[in-house]
Amino acid sequence: MAPKTLSSFLSPFTLPYHLTIPKTKLLNLHSESTLIFCRFSQPQKTHQKATVSENQSLDPPPEPDGTGAAAPTPGDRFLERHRSFEAAKVLLKEKKQKKKEKPVKVSTNVACCYGCGAPLQTSEPDAPGYSDPETYALKKKHHQLKTVICGRCKLLSHGHMITAVGGNGGYSGGKQFIMAEQLREKLAHLRHERALIVKLVDIVDFNGSFLARVRDLAGANPIILVITKVDLLPKGTDFNCIGDWVVEATAKKKLNVISVHLTSSKSLVGVTGVASEIQKEKKGRDVYVLGSANVGKSAFISALLKMMAENDPVAASAQKYKPIQSAVPGTTLGPIQINAFLGGGKLYDTPGVHLHHRQAAVVHSEDLPALAPQSRLRGQSFPVCLVSLGGYSYPVFVSSGNGIAGNDYSNGLNGYSIFWGGLVRVDVLKVLPETRLTFYGPKSLQIHMVPSDKADEFYQKELGVLLTPPTGKQRADEWRGLETERQLQIKFEDVERPACDVAISGLGWITVEPLCKSSTSSDSRTEAAAGELHLAVHVPKPVEIFVRPPLPVGKSGAEWYQYRELTEKEEEVRPKWHF
């Protein structure tokens, strides 16, 4: 069959030359491009006449070969392909721009309270950052706004408990509150900056204050891990064991930790080592002090400036306007820039990252001081000791008039419930007769033990009275109770050391010993070479419970703690700890 030319079609395209395409090519070159319907200008006898009228549908039924939609020309295909490439480029460009978008760093040009970092304002007395209009105008006139402290910080410095974070301390929020999410947003820019991160963790609440998602905030920046409040650990604690325990726990997090420091902002122990490490690793970068709420960031910065002031006049001058310290979560409401380094770079105190799973998120603001230990921890053990009668060891309890009666102590703690204030209840389901539980936490939280069958009645009757926090009947009536129960099956293989710690987020921990030291019977230790203990722990709904390797505290900690043998590769990558 003779080939047909495109000039025989009514085409909307004008070609600069005469192009002929065989019929077989015409069918094979059809693409998914937009169809162009045409009609013959000179119908031929071998084909049906195809016309498109104005009233005829644009989607005609299938027609015999040689009629219907015309195949796109090479020019058409080129144009369609070009348009597709251009569209793909636009989409790719938009995707890259979206990926490169970074959170905006909080501007330091805005005048903020030097105590909490909240932007200064004169319109709302109940909101953070409020300053008296006359004082504000006078300081602004003399370019001294950096020396202004807001009204809330003045109250906090005098011991008033004023929370400013919505949803914490028993408050749902209001105009005087900011949300915890807002504080997180103020730190979102860190992962995109070149910075040195000083991350603080409370040794009393190690798991609860560690910030499991710290990588989302710090990014790939190097981290100096600072363990605070080590002066609160029981007397006789071997810090070699504590340092090794912390490094072991940190290594499992797979973070970019370059060193670990055990410190106390109160006694200044270990702070000098942190200052030296910062000067060594800073390398012109800004330094951000990061941590969960109430971990002690502001207190640490004050101690750090005090140590640096001995050799750095810039740090000495920065001591005059230090961040406010208080027991209220959310004391720091915005990044506080501090000129602390002679060689450049800034030091930033950052808002505490608020964690809903800590006890501070559920108790009333007036009860917050009860959660913070003020002196060295002393473990409270149950049973207190064991006495030997007739060749057998029996536990001795301390009765506080809570229904503990009778002389049958042969079953140990089984069948008893222990209340840690009004915040924790531990039901002992199945343990050895010689098993001992030791509670480490604030002394203000009293511990009471009652038979489990009377535990519910005792809790309802004594909540707000003997069992505090919550303090007072009014807060007890608003208390939602211990809604979360976790069943623990604790396996042990060595009776010479504690089986584990049960850590309560935001409060402290409970050490579980299968056989307490007072039990010296070799027969009982042989019989209990391995086994399983069953406990049920009750806490308020958002509070988390952690089961972890036991923290080696006190004189006995150094006796049972075992150092793990490391390979050469582990020795190289493992961060070193300092004290």
Protein backbone atom coordinates (compact mmCIF):
# COMPACT_ATOMS: atom_id res chain seq x y z
CA MET A 1 0.00 0.00 0.00
CA ALA A 2 1.26 3.43 -0.87
CA PRO A 3 2.27 5.56 2.11
CA LYS A 4 0.08 8.46 3.07
CA THR A 5 1.31 11.91 3.73
CA LEU A 6 0.37 14.10 6.67
CA SER A 7 -0.67 16.81 4.28
CA SER A 8 -3.82 14.77 3.66
CA PHE A 9 -4.95 15.45 7.26
CA LEU A 10 -6.37 18.60 8.81
CA SER A 11 -3.72 19.10 11.45
CA PRO A 12 -3.39 22.06 13.89
CA PHE A 13 0.40 21.95 13.50
CA THR A 14 2.26 23.52 10.59
CA LEU A 15 5.39 21.59 9.66
CA PRO A 16 8.29 23.28 7.90
CA TYR A 17 8.79 20.29 5.60
CA HIS A 18 6.81 17.51 3.97
CA LEU A 19 6.92 14.42 6.19
CA THR A 20 5.70 10.99 5.11
CA ILE A 21 5.11 8.12 7.51
CA PRO A 22 4.12 4.59 6.56
CA LYS A 23 0.81 3.30 7.87
CA THR A 24 2.51 0.66 10.04
CA LYS A 25 4.55 3.37 11.77
CA LEU A 26 1.45 5.47 12.25
CA LEU A 27 -0.03 2.79 14.56
CA ASN A 28 3.15 1.87 16.43
CA LEU A 29 4.11 5.45 17.32
CA HIS A 30 0.90 6.17 19.20
CA SER A 31 1.61 7.46 22.74
CA GLU A 32 -0.40 8.45 25.79
CA SER A 33 -0.26 12.12 24.85
CA THR A 34 -3.40 14.24 24.46
CA LEU A 35 -5.43 12.95 21.51
CA ILE A 36 -6.13 15.23 18.54
CA PHE A 37 -9.21 14.30 16.51
CA CYS A 38 -8.94 15.01 12.78
CA ARG A 39 -10.92 14.33 9.64
CA PHE A 40 -9.90 13.57 6.06
CA SER A 41 -9.84 16.48 3.63
CA GLN A 42 -9.94 14.08 0.66
CA PRO A 43 -11.70 10.83 1.65
CA GLN A 44 -10.48 7.74 -0.16
CA LYS A 45 -12.45 4.74 -1.31
CA THR A 46 -10.69 2.20 0.86
CA HIS A 47 -11.74 3.97 4.13
CA GLN A 48 -14.95 5.08 5.73
CA LYS A 49 -15.69 8.78 5.85
CA ALA A 50 -15.05 10.14 9.31
CA THR A 51 -16.49 13.49 10.24
CA VAL A 52 -16.81 15.23 13.55
CA SER A 53 -19.90 17.37 13.82
CA GLU A 54 -20.52 20.02 16.41
CA ASN A 55 -23.21 17.94 18.15
CA GLN A 56 -21.25 14.69 18.00
CA SER A 57 -19.51 13.42 21.14
CA LEU A 58 -15.73 13.83 21.39
CA ASP A 59 -15.45 10.20 22.53
CA PRO A 60 -16.67 8.24 19.51
CA PRO A 61 -17.00 4.44 19.56
CA PRO A 62 -14.15 2.35 18.15
CA GLU A 63 -13.75 2.82 14.42
CA PRO A 64 -12.22 0.70 11.67
CA ASP A 65 -8.51 0.81 11.06
CA GLY A 66 -7.35 4.00 9.46
CA THR A 67 -9.88 6.32 11.11
CA GLY A 68 -10.21 8.08 14.53
CA ALA A 69 -7.43 9.81 16.43
CA ALA A 70 -4.34 10.80 14.56
CA ALA A 71 -1.00 9.68 15.97
CA PRO A 72 1.17 12.47 17.43
CA THR A 73 4.00 13.66 15.28
CA PRO A 74 7.62 13.60 16.48
CA GLY A 75 7.21 17.29 17.21
CA ASP A 76 4.17 16.57 19.38
CA ARG A 77 6.05 13.90 21.30
CA PHE A 78 9.00 16.21 21.80
CA LEU A 79 6.77 18.94 23.21
CA GLU A 80 4.98 16.52 25.56
CA ARG A 81 8.27 15.05 26.76
CA HIS A 82 9.66 18.54 27.31
CA ARG A 83 6.61 19.55 29.33
CA SER A 84 6.92 16.37 31.46
CA PHE A 85 10.59 17.11 32.17
CA GLU A 86 9.79 20.68 33.14
CA ALA A 87 6.99 19.54 35.46
CA ALA A 88 9.30 16.98 37.08
CA LYS A 89 11.96 19.65 37.60
CA VAL A 90 9.44 21.91 39.32
CA LEU A 91 8.28 19.12 41.64
CA LEU A 92 11.87 18.15 42.47
CA LYS A 93 12.77 21.77 43.19
CA GLU A 94 9.78 22.18 45.50
CA LYS A 95 10.69 18.96 47.31
CA LYS A 96 14.28 20.13 47.85
CA GLN A 97 13.14 23.53 49.08
CA LYS A 98 10.76 21.90 51.54
CA LYS A 99 13.53 19.62 52.77
CA LYS A 100 15.92 22.53 53.26
CA GLU A 101 13.43 24.55 55.28
CA LYS A 102 14.87 25.01 58.76
CA PRO A 103 13.18 26.16 61.93
CA VAL A 104 13.83 29.82 62.51
CA LYS A 105 16.29 30.49 65.28
CA VAL A 106 14.83 32.58 68.07
CA SER A 107 15.94 36.14 67.57
CA THR A 108 18.17 37.53 70.28
CA ASN A 109 17.33 41.09 69.25
CA VAL A 110 14.01 40.88 71.11
CA ALA A 111 14.32 42.18 74.67
CA CYS A 112 13.79 39.29 77.08
CA CYS A 113 13.77 38.80 80.84
CA TYR A 114 17.26 37.72 81.87
CA GLY A 115 15.79 35.44 84.53
CA CYS A 116 13.50 33.25 82.39
CA GLY A 117 14.02 34.28 78.76
CA ALA A 118 10.39 35.33 78.19
CA PRO A 119 9.93 38.35 75.83
CA LEU A 120 9.32 41.50 77.84
CA GLN A 121 5.83 43.02 77.64
CA THR A 122 3.82 45.63 79.54
CA SER A 123 0.23 44.80 78.58
CA GLU A 124 -0.68 41.58 80.49
CA PRO A 125 0.36 41.47 84.18
CA ASP A 126 -0.59 37.77 84.47
CA ALA A 127 1.47 36.66 81.47
CA PRO A 128 5.19 35.72 81.55
CA GLY A 129 7.62 38.54 80.78
CA TYR A 130 5.51 41.34 82.30
CA SER A 131 7.38 44.45 83.37
CA ASP A 132 6.10 47.63 84.93
CA PRO A 133 5.56 50.17 82.09
CA GLU A 134 7.53 52.90 83.84
CA THR A 135 10.48 50.62 84.53
CA TYR A 136 10.38 49.29 80.98
CA ALA A 137 10.31 52.80 79.48
CA LEU A 138 13.19 53.97 81.69
CA LYS A 139 15.37 50.95 80.90
CA LYS A 140 14.59 51.25 77.21
CA LYS A 141 15.54 54.92 77.22
CA HIS A 142 18.95 54.09 78.67
CA HIS A 143 19.42 50.94 76.51
CA GLN A 144 19.35 48.67 79.58
CA LEU A 145 16.54 46.24 78.72
CA LYS A 146 18.95 43.33 79.13
CA THR A 147 18.99 44.09 82.86
CA VAL A 148 15.20 43.80 83.31
CA ILE A 149 13.67 40.90 85.24
CA CYS A 150 9.95 40.16 84.89
CA GLY A 151 7.39 40.09 87.70
CA ARG A 152 7.05 36.29 87.62
CA CYS A 153 10.79 35.82 88.16
CA LYS A 154 10.68 38.19 91.13
CA LEU A 155 8.01 36.01 92.73
CA LEU A 156 9.93 32.80 91.93
CA SER A 157 13.07 34.23 93.52
CA HIS A 158 11.07 34.76 96.73
CA GLY A 159 9.88 31.14 96.85
CA HIS A 160 6.46 31.44 95.16
CA MET A 161 5.47 28.39 93.07
CA ILE A 162 4.16 29.83 89.81
CA THR A 163 4.10 27.42 86.90
CA ALA A 164 3.87 28.87 83.40
CA VAL A 165 3.59 25.70 81.36
CA GLY A 166 0.10 24.58 80.38
CA GLY A 167 -0.76 21.03 81.38
CA ASN A 168 1.88 20.81 84.12
CA GLY A 169 1.39 21.11 87.84
CA GLY A 170 -2.27 20.18 87.66
CA TYR A 171 -3.24 23.11 85.44
CA SER A 172 -4.94 22.86 82.07
CA GLY A 173 -3.58 26.16 80.81
CA GLY A 174 -4.69 29.73 80.27
CA LYS A 175 -3.43 33.07 79.05
CA GLN A 176 -0.68 33.05 81.67
CA PHE A 177 0.61 29.71 80.40
CA ILE A 178 2.62 28.59 77.42
CA MET A 179 2.41 25.03 76.10
CA ALA A 180 5.17 22.45 76.38
CA GLU A 181 5.08 22.08 72.58
CA GLN A 182 6.00 25.75 72.25
CA LEU A 183 9.10 25.22 74.37
CA ARG A 184 10.12 22.29 72.15
CA GLU A 185 9.67 24.46 69.05
CA LYS A 186 12.11 26.99 70.47
CA LEU A 187 14.77 24.26 70.47
CA ALA A 188 13.95 22.81 67.04
CA HIS A 189 16.61 24.90 65.28
CA LEU A 190 19.45 23.27 67.22
CA ARG A 191 19.73 20.19 65.03
CA HIS A 192 20.41 22.37 61.98
CA GLU A 193 23.13 24.47 63.64
CA ARG A 194 26.78 23.88 64.30
CA ALA A 195 26.78 23.84 68.09
CA LEU A 196 28.18 22.10 71.15
CA ILE A 197 25.50 20.48 73.31
CA VAL A 198 25.88 20.16 77.07
CA LYS A 199 23.18 17.67 78.06
CA LEU A 200 22.17 17.40 81.72
CA VAL A 201 20.71 14.29 83.38
CA ASP A 202 19.54 13.99 87.01
CA ILE A 203 21.20 10.96 88.66
CA VAL A 204 18.22 10.55 91.02
CA ASP A 205 15.86 10.36 88.02
CA PHE A 206 18.29 9.04 85.41
CA ASN A 207 15.79 7.29 83.14
CA GLY A 208 13.02 9.86 83.53
CA SER A 209 15.24 12.86 82.75
CA PHE A 210 17.44 11.37 80.02
CA LEU A 211 15.39 12.62 77.02
CA ALA A 212 15.00 9.50 74.88
CA ARG A 213 14.53 11.60 71.72
CA VAL A 214 17.46 13.93 72.33
CA ARG A 215 18.76 13.20 68.81
CA ASP A 216 15.70 15.03 67.42
CA LEU A 217 16.88 18.16 69.25
CA ALA A 218 20.67 17.87 69.08
CA GLY A 219 21.01 16.35 65.60
CA ALA A 220 24.57 15.21 64.87
CA ASN A 221 26.17 17.81 67.16
CA PRO A 222 28.67 16.51 69.76
CA ILE A 223 27.28 16.05 73.27
CA ILE A 224 28.98 16.52 76.63
CA LEU A 225 26.88 14.48 79.07
CA VAL A 226 26.71 16.04 82.54
CA ILE A 227 25.23 13.98 85.39
CA THR A 228 23.93 16.33 88.09
CA LYS A 229 23.18 16.01 91.82
CA VAL A 230 25.69 13.22 92.50
CA ASP A 231 26.11 14.71 95.99
CA LEU A 232 22.65 13.29 96.79
CA LEU A 233 23.76 9.67 96.38
CA PRO A 234 24.01 7.61 99.61
CA LYS A 235 27.10 7.94 101.75
CA GLY A 236 29.96 5.62 100.82
CA THR A 237 29.03 5.40 97.12
CA ASP A 238 31.98 4.50 94.88
CA PHE A 239 31.92 6.94 91.95
CA ASN A 240 34.08 4.64 89.86
CA CYS A 241 31.14 2.25 89.80
CA ILE A 242 28.65 5.07 89.16
CA GLY A 243 30.72 6.42 86.24
CA ASP A 244 31.00 3.00 84.63
CA TRP A 245 27.26 2.35 85.14
CA VAL A 246 26.34 5.68 83.48
CA VAL A 247 28.65 5.06 80.49
CA GLU A 248 27.18 1.57 80.03
CA ALA A 249 23.64 2.98 80.05
CA THR A 250 24.61 5.83 77.70
CA ALA A 251 26.37 3.57 75.18
CA LYS A 252 23.07 1.77 74.54
CA LYS A 253 21.50 5.08 73.41
CA LYS A 254 23.95 5.36 70.47
CA LEU A 255 24.39 9.13 70.79
CA ASN A 256 27.37 11.28 69.82
CA VAL A 257 28.60 11.58 73.41
CA ILE A 258 32.23 12.65 73.64
CA SER A 259 32.58 12.60 77.45
CA VAL A 260 30.62 11.99 80.67
CA HIS A 261 30.99 14.13 83.81
CA LEU A 262 29.67 13.48 87.33
CA THR A 263 28.91 16.85 88.92
CA SER A 264 27.20 18.70 91.74
CA SER A 265 26.16 22.31 91.22
CA LYS A 266 25.81 22.70 94.98
CA SER A 267 29.29 21.54 96.00
CA LEU A 268 30.87 22.43 92.59
CA VAL A 269 32.28 18.90 92.33
CA GLY A 270 33.18 18.06 88.73
CA VAL A 271 32.20 21.48 87.32
CA THR A 272 35.82 22.45 86.63
CA GLY A 273 36.21 19.41 84.38
CA VAL A 274 33.11 20.40 82.40
CA ALA A 275 34.45 23.95 81.95
CA SER A 276 37.76 22.60 80.62
CA GLU A 277 35.97 20.19 78.26
CA ILE A 278 33.79 23.02 76.90
CA GLN A 279 36.81 25.21 76.19
CA LYS A 280 38.51 22.28 74.48
CA GLU A 281 35.59 21.22 72.28
CA LYS A 282 33.88 24.57 71.66
CA LYS A 283 36.00 25.54 68.65
CA GLY A 284 34.13 28.78 68.00
CA ARG A 285 30.68 27.21 68.27
CA ASP A 286 27.82 28.35 70.49
CA VAL A 287 27.23 26.18 73.57
CA TYR A 288 23.68 25.10 74.46
CA VAL A 289 22.80 23.65 77.86
CA LEU A 290 20.02 21.15 77.22
CA GLY A 291 17.92 18.95 79.48
CA SER A 292 14.50 18.08 80.79
CA ALA A 293 12.57 20.43 83.05
CA ASN A 294 13.94 20.77 86.59
CA VAL A 295 17.11 18.83 85.86
CA GLY A 296 19.17 21.72 87.23
CA LYS A 297 20.27 23.63 84.10
CA SER A 298 20.12 27.11 85.63
CA ALA A 299 21.91 25.96 88.79
CA PHE A 300 24.59 24.28 86.65
CA ILE A 301 25.11 27.45 84.59
CA SER A 302 25.53 29.49 87.77
CA ALA A 303 28.14 27.01 89.02
CA LEU A 304 29.85 26.95 85.62
CA LEU A 305 30.09 30.76 85.47
CA LYS A 306 31.48 30.80 89.00
CA MET A 307 34.29 28.40 88.06
CA MET A 308 35.02 30.12 84.74
CA ALA A 309 35.08 33.56 86.35
CA GLU A 310 38.39 32.74 88.02
CA ASN A 311 40.21 32.89 84.66
CA ASP A 312 37.73 34.63 82.33
CA PRO A 313 36.67 38.25 82.99
CA VAL A 314 33.80 37.89 80.53
CA ALA A 315 32.31 35.05 82.58
CA ALA A 316 32.85 37.10 85.74
CA SER A 317 30.75 39.96 84.37
CA ALA A 318 28.05 37.50 83.22
CA GLN A 319 27.51 36.36 86.81
CA LYS A 320 25.57 39.53 87.61
CA TYR A 321 22.56 38.54 85.50
CA LYS A 322 22.14 34.79 85.98
CA PRO A 323 19.03 32.76 85.14
CA ILE A 324 16.46 32.26 87.91
CA GLN A 325 16.45 28.92 89.78
CA SER A 326 13.30 27.31 91.20
CA ALA A 327 11.57 23.95 91.67
CA VAL A 328 8.82 24.94 89.21
CA PRO A 329 8.87 23.14 85.84
CA GLY A 330 9.12 25.77 83.13
CA THR A 331 11.11 28.35 85.08
CA THR A 332 13.07 29.10 81.90
CA LEU A 333 10.64 30.03 79.12
CA GLY A 334 13.01 30.97 76.31
CA PRO A 335 16.67 30.68 75.29
CA ILE A 336 18.80 32.99 77.46
CA GLN A 337 21.96 34.23 75.77
CA ILE A 338 24.95 34.65 78.07
CA ASN A 339 28.24 36.23 77.04
CA ALA A 340 30.51 33.81 78.89
CA PHE A 341 33.51 33.19 76.64
CA LEU A 342 36.44 35.48 76.04
CA GLY A 343 37.30 33.88 72.70
CA GLY A 344 33.87 34.22 71.08
CA GLY A 345 30.76 32.06 71.00
CA LYS A 346 27.74 32.31 73.27
CA LEU A 347 26.40 30.21 76.14
CA TYR A 348 22.66 29.53 76.06
CA ASP A 349 20.41 28.42 78.87
CA THR A 350 17.47 26.71 77.16
CA PRO A 351 13.89 25.97 78.24
CA GLY A 352 13.50 22.61 79.92
CA VAL A 353 12.00 19.92 77.71
CA HIS A 354 8.76 18.94 79.43
CA LEU A 355 8.05 15.23 79.69
CA HIS A 356 4.48 14.15 80.38
CA HIS A 357 5.61 10.85 81.91
CA ARG A 358 7.22 12.40 85.01
CA GLN A 359 5.50 12.86 88.36
CA ALA A 360 5.93 16.64 88.10
CA ALA A 361 3.38 16.62 85.28
CA VAL A 362 0.57 15.34 87.51
CA VAL A 363 1.03 16.87 90.98
CA HIS A 364 -0.12 20.33 92.02
CA SER A 365 2.42 23.13 91.80
CA GLU A 366 2.35 23.55 95.59
CA ASP A 367 3.48 19.91 95.97
CA LEU A 368 6.39 20.18 93.54
CA PRO A 369 9.05 20.85 96.24
CA ALA A 370 8.17 17.48 97.79
CA LEU A 371 9.49 15.72 94.68
CA ALA A 372 12.96 17.28 94.89
CA PRO A 373 15.39 15.68 97.39
CA GLN A 374 17.13 18.32 99.48
CA SER A 375 19.70 16.15 101.24
CA ARG A 376 21.66 12.93 100.79
CA LEU A 377 19.47 9.93 100.00
CA ARG A 378 19.04 7.19 102.57
CA GLY A 379 17.37 4.01 101.41
CA GLN A 380 14.26 2.86 103.31
CA SER A 381 14.12 -0.94 103.27
CA PHE A 382 11.23 -3.39 103.72
CA PRO A 383 11.59 -5.60 105.63
CA VAL A 384 13.98 -3.66 107.85
CA CYS A 385 16.01 -6.70 108.84
CA LEU A 386 15.87 -10.44 109.46
CA VAL A 387 16.10 -12.21 112.79
CA SER A 388 17.08 -15.83 113.30
CA LEU A 389 14.68 -17.95 115.33
CA GLY A 390 14.99 -21.71 115.58
CA GLY A 391 17.48 -21.85 112.73
CA TYR A 392 15.23 -19.87 110.37
CA SER A 393 15.36 -16.23 109.24
CA TYR A 394 12.24 -14.11 109.68
CA PRO A 395 11.63 -10.55 108.44
CA VAL A 396 11.03 -7.77 110.94
CA PHE A 397 8.65 -4.97 109.91
CA VAL A 398 8.08 -1.54 111.35
CA SER A 399 4.43 -1.16 112.27
CA SER A 400 2.93 2.32 111.92
CA GLY A 401 -0.55 1.42 113.04
CA ASN A 402 -1.66 0.56 109.50
CA GLY A 403 -3.03 -2.89 110.13
CA ILE A 404 0.23 -4.86 110.32
CA ALA A 405 -0.42 -7.38 113.04
CA GLY A 406 0.15 -11.00 113.89
CA ASN A 407 3.31 -13.04 114.29
CA ASP A 408 3.32 -14.96 110.98
CA TYR A 409 6.27 -13.40 109.15
CA SER A 410 7.42 -16.64 107.53
CA ASN A 411 6.07 -15.54 104.13
CA GLY A 412 8.09 -12.32 104.04
CA LEU A 413 6.60 -9.49 101.97
CA ASN A 414 4.14 -11.71 100.11
CA GLY A 415 0.60 -10.45 100.48
CA TYR A 416 1.61 -6.89 101.41
CA SER A 417 1.24 -3.56 99.60
CA ILE A 418 3.68 -0.68 100.07
CA PHE A 419 2.61 2.93 99.43
CA TRP A 420 5.21 5.57 98.50
CA GLY A 421 3.33 8.70 99.45
CA GLY A 422 0.15 8.96 97.39
CA LEU A 423 2.05 8.50 94.11
CA VAL A 424 3.14 4.84 94.04
CA ARG A 425 1.76 1.53 95.24
CA VAL A 426 3.72 -1.74 95.07
CA ASP A 427 1.85 -5.03 95.50
CA VAL A 428 4.13 -7.93 96.42
CA LEU A 429 2.66 -10.94 94.62
CA LYS A 430 5.37 -13.59 94.76
CA VAL A 431 8.85 -13.18 96.23
CA LEU A 432 11.23 -15.14 98.42
CA PRO A 433 10.75 -14.88 102.20
CA GLU A 434 14.09 -13.03 102.41
CA THR A 435 13.42 -10.61 99.52
CA ARG A 436 13.94 -6.93 100.38
CA LEU A 437 12.78 -3.74 98.65
CA THR A 438 14.75 -0.52 99.24
CA PHE A 439 13.24 2.85 98.31
CA TYR A 440 15.49 5.76 97.23
CA GLY A 441 13.82 9.14 96.82
CA PRO A 442 12.65 12.32 98.59
CA LYS A 443 12.42 11.97 102.36
CA SER A 444 9.23 14.03 102.38
CA LEU A 445 7.35 11.09 100.84
CA GLN A 446 6.52 8.71 103.67
CA ILE A 447 6.31 4.97 103.07
CA HIS A 448 3.50 2.84 104.54
CA MET A 449 2.95 -0.90 104.31
CA VAL A 450 -0.42 -2.65 104.74
CA PRO A 451 -1.87 -6.06 103.87
CA SER A 452 -2.93 -6.10 100.22
CA ASP A 453 -6.55 -6.98 101.05
CA LYS A 454 -6.85 -3.69 102.98
CA ALA A 455 -4.80 -1.55 100.55
CA ASP A 456 -7.73 0.00 98.62
CA GLU A 457 -9.57 1.00 101.79
CA PHE A 458 -6.38 2.42 103.32
CA TYR A 459 -5.60 4.48 100.20
CA GLN A 460 -9.08 6.01 100.03
CA LYS A 461 -9.03 6.87 103.73
CA GLU A 462 -5.50 8.25 104.06
CA LEU A 463 -4.98 9.98 100.69
CA GLY A 464 -4.09 13.61 101.37
CA VAL A 465 -3.45 12.88 105.08
CA LEU A 466 -0.81 10.16 105.58
CA LEU A 467 -0.34 9.55 101.88
CA THR A 468 0.93 12.80 100.33
CA PRO A 469 1.19 14.25 97.75
CA PRO A 470 -1.53 15.21 96.97
CA THR A 471 -1.69 17.38 100.09
CA GLY A 472 -5.04 18.12 101.70
CA LYS A 473 -8.50 16.69 101.19
CA GLN A 474 -9.43 19.22 98.50
CA ARG A 475 -6.57 18.13 96.22
CA ALA A 476 -7.19 14.50 97.16
CA ASP A 477 -10.78 14.82 95.93
CA GLU A 478 -9.49 16.13 92.58
CA TRP A 479 -6.83 13.40 92.37
CA ARG A 480 -7.44 10.88 89.59
CA GLY A 481 -5.77 8.06 91.45
CA LEU A 482 -3.22 5.40 90.50
CA GLU A 483 -4.73 4.46 87.15
CA THR A 484 -1.76 2.59 85.64
CA GLU A 485 -0.80 -0.88 86.83
CA ARG A 486 2.24 -2.74 85.51
CA GLN A 487 2.90 -6.37 86.26
CA LEU A 488 6.62 -7.10 86.68
CA GLN A 489 8.20 -10.54 86.39
CA ILE A 490 11.77 -10.06 87.53
CA LYS A 491 14.22 -12.86 86.82
CA PHE A 492 17.41 -13.21 88.85
CA GLU A 493 20.41 -15.51 88.52
CA ASP A 494 22.72 -14.23 91.25
CA VAL A 495 21.48 -13.79 94.80
CA GLU A 496 24.70 -11.99 95.76
CA ARG A 497 23.59 -8.83 93.94
CA PRO A 498 20.27 -6.97 93.46
CA ALA A 499 18.07 -8.28 90.68
CA CYS A 500 17.17 -4.84 89.28
CA ASP A 501 15.96 -1.33 89.98
CA VAL A 502 12.34 -0.30 89.42
CA ALA A 503 12.65 3.42 88.55
CA ILE A 504 9.61 5.71 88.85
CA SER A 505 9.87 8.60 86.39
CA GLY A 506 10.28 11.90 88.21
CA LEU A 507 10.58 10.42 91.71
CA GLY A 508 13.37 7.89 92.40
CA TRP A 509 13.89 4.13 92.30
CA ILE A 510 13.30 0.88 94.19
CA THR A 511 16.10 -1.67 94.47
CA VAL A 512 14.91 -5.29 94.45
CA GLU A 513 17.17 -7.74 96.33
CA PRO A 514 16.19 -11.43 96.07
CA LEU A 515 18.01 -12.16 99.35
CA CYS A 516 18.94 -9.33 101.68
CA LYS A 517 22.42 -9.24 103.24
CA SER A 518 21.08 -10.06 106.69
CA SER A 519 20.24 -13.54 105.47
CA THR A 520 23.46 -15.49 105.93
CA SER A 521 22.03 -18.95 105.62
CA SER A 522 24.00 -20.79 102.93
CA ASP A 523 21.15 -23.27 102.49
CA SER A 524 18.66 -20.56 101.54
CA ARG A 525 21.14 -19.01 99.11
CA THR A 526 21.76 -22.39 97.46
CA GLU A 527 18.03 -23.07 97.12
CA ALA A 528 17.44 -19.63 95.59
CA ALA A 529 20.30 -19.70 93.10
CA ALA A 530 17.90 -18.49 90.38
CA GLY A 531 14.24 -17.66 90.16
CA GLU A 532 11.60 -15.07 89.45
CA LEU A 533 9.92 -12.35 91.52
CA HIS A 534 6.44 -10.99 90.81
CA LEU A 535 5.40 -7.41 91.65
CA ALA A 536 2.57 -5.11 90.58
CA VAL A 537 3.37 -1.38 90.50
CA HIS A 538 0.61 1.27 90.40
CA VAL A 539 1.27 4.90 89.37
CA PRO A 540 -0.74 7.84 87.95
CA LYS A 541 -1.70 7.31 84.31
CA PRO A 542 1.02 9.22 82.38
CA VAL A 543 3.91 8.27 84.68
CA GLU A 544 6.35 5.69 83.30
CA ILE A 545 8.00 2.76 85.08
CA PHE A 546 11.50 1.64 84.07
CA VAL A 547 13.16 -1.68 84.92
CA ARG A 548 16.93 -1.27 84.69
CA PRO A 549 20.22 -2.78 85.94
CA PRO A 550 20.72 -1.84 89.61
CA LEU A 551 22.55 1.41 90.38
CA PRO A 552 25.56 0.58 92.63
CA VAL A 553 25.00 2.99 95.53
CA GLY A 554 26.30 2.86 99.09
CA LYS A 555 29.19 0.82 100.40
CA SER A 556 27.58 -2.44 99.34
CA GLY A 557 27.34 -1.24 95.71
CA ALA A 558 31.09 -1.50 95.20
CA GLU A 559 31.05 -5.05 96.59
CA TRP A 560 28.60 -6.54 94.11
CA TYR A 561 29.11 -4.32 91.03
CA GLN A 562 30.85 -6.06 88.13
CA TYR A 563 32.82 -4.25 85.44
CA ARG A 564 32.24 -5.61 81.97
CA GLU A 565 35.24 -6.70 79.91
CA LEU A 566 35.59 -4.50 76.81
CA THR A 567 37.03 -5.24 73.40
CA GLU A 568 39.66 -2.95 71.85
CA LYS A 569 37.06 -1.43 69.53
CA GLU A 570 34.72 -0.72 72.44
CA GLU A 571 37.55 0.92 74.35
CA GLU A 572 38.18 3.30 71.43
CA VAL A 573 34.60 4.45 70.86
CA ARG A 574 33.42 4.34 74.48
CA PRO A 575 33.19 7.85 76.02
CA LYS A 576 35.40 8.49 79.05
CA TRP A 577 33.85 9.60 82.32
CA HIS A 578 35.28 12.25 84.66
CA PHE A 579 34.72 13.20 88.29
